[in-house]
């Protein structure tokens, strides 16, 4: 089931970015949980509900570097600063320096 596992991995990145946006805007844990639940119910495949995929989703949404990158990006956007080129996962420290 390689194709479904890769599709779930790609969707996990989108959900993790959304979780970072939710965290920085301050919408709270319930909103993040609803976002994860919506993603989980929209994928109708048993691959997602295996423990490894669900645990990976939860870990990424609550502490992964993708979420941290999205959170730092939103802080810069809300501060009115311009970010070019767009940040990658390797530029999180650079983004945090721009805020100080």
Foldseek 3Di string as FASTA:
>chain_A
DVVVVVVLVVVLLVLLLVLLVCVQVPVDDVVNVVSVVVVVVVDPDVVCVDPVNVVVSVCSNPPNLSSLLSNLVVVCVVVVHDDPPRDDSVCSVVSVVVVD
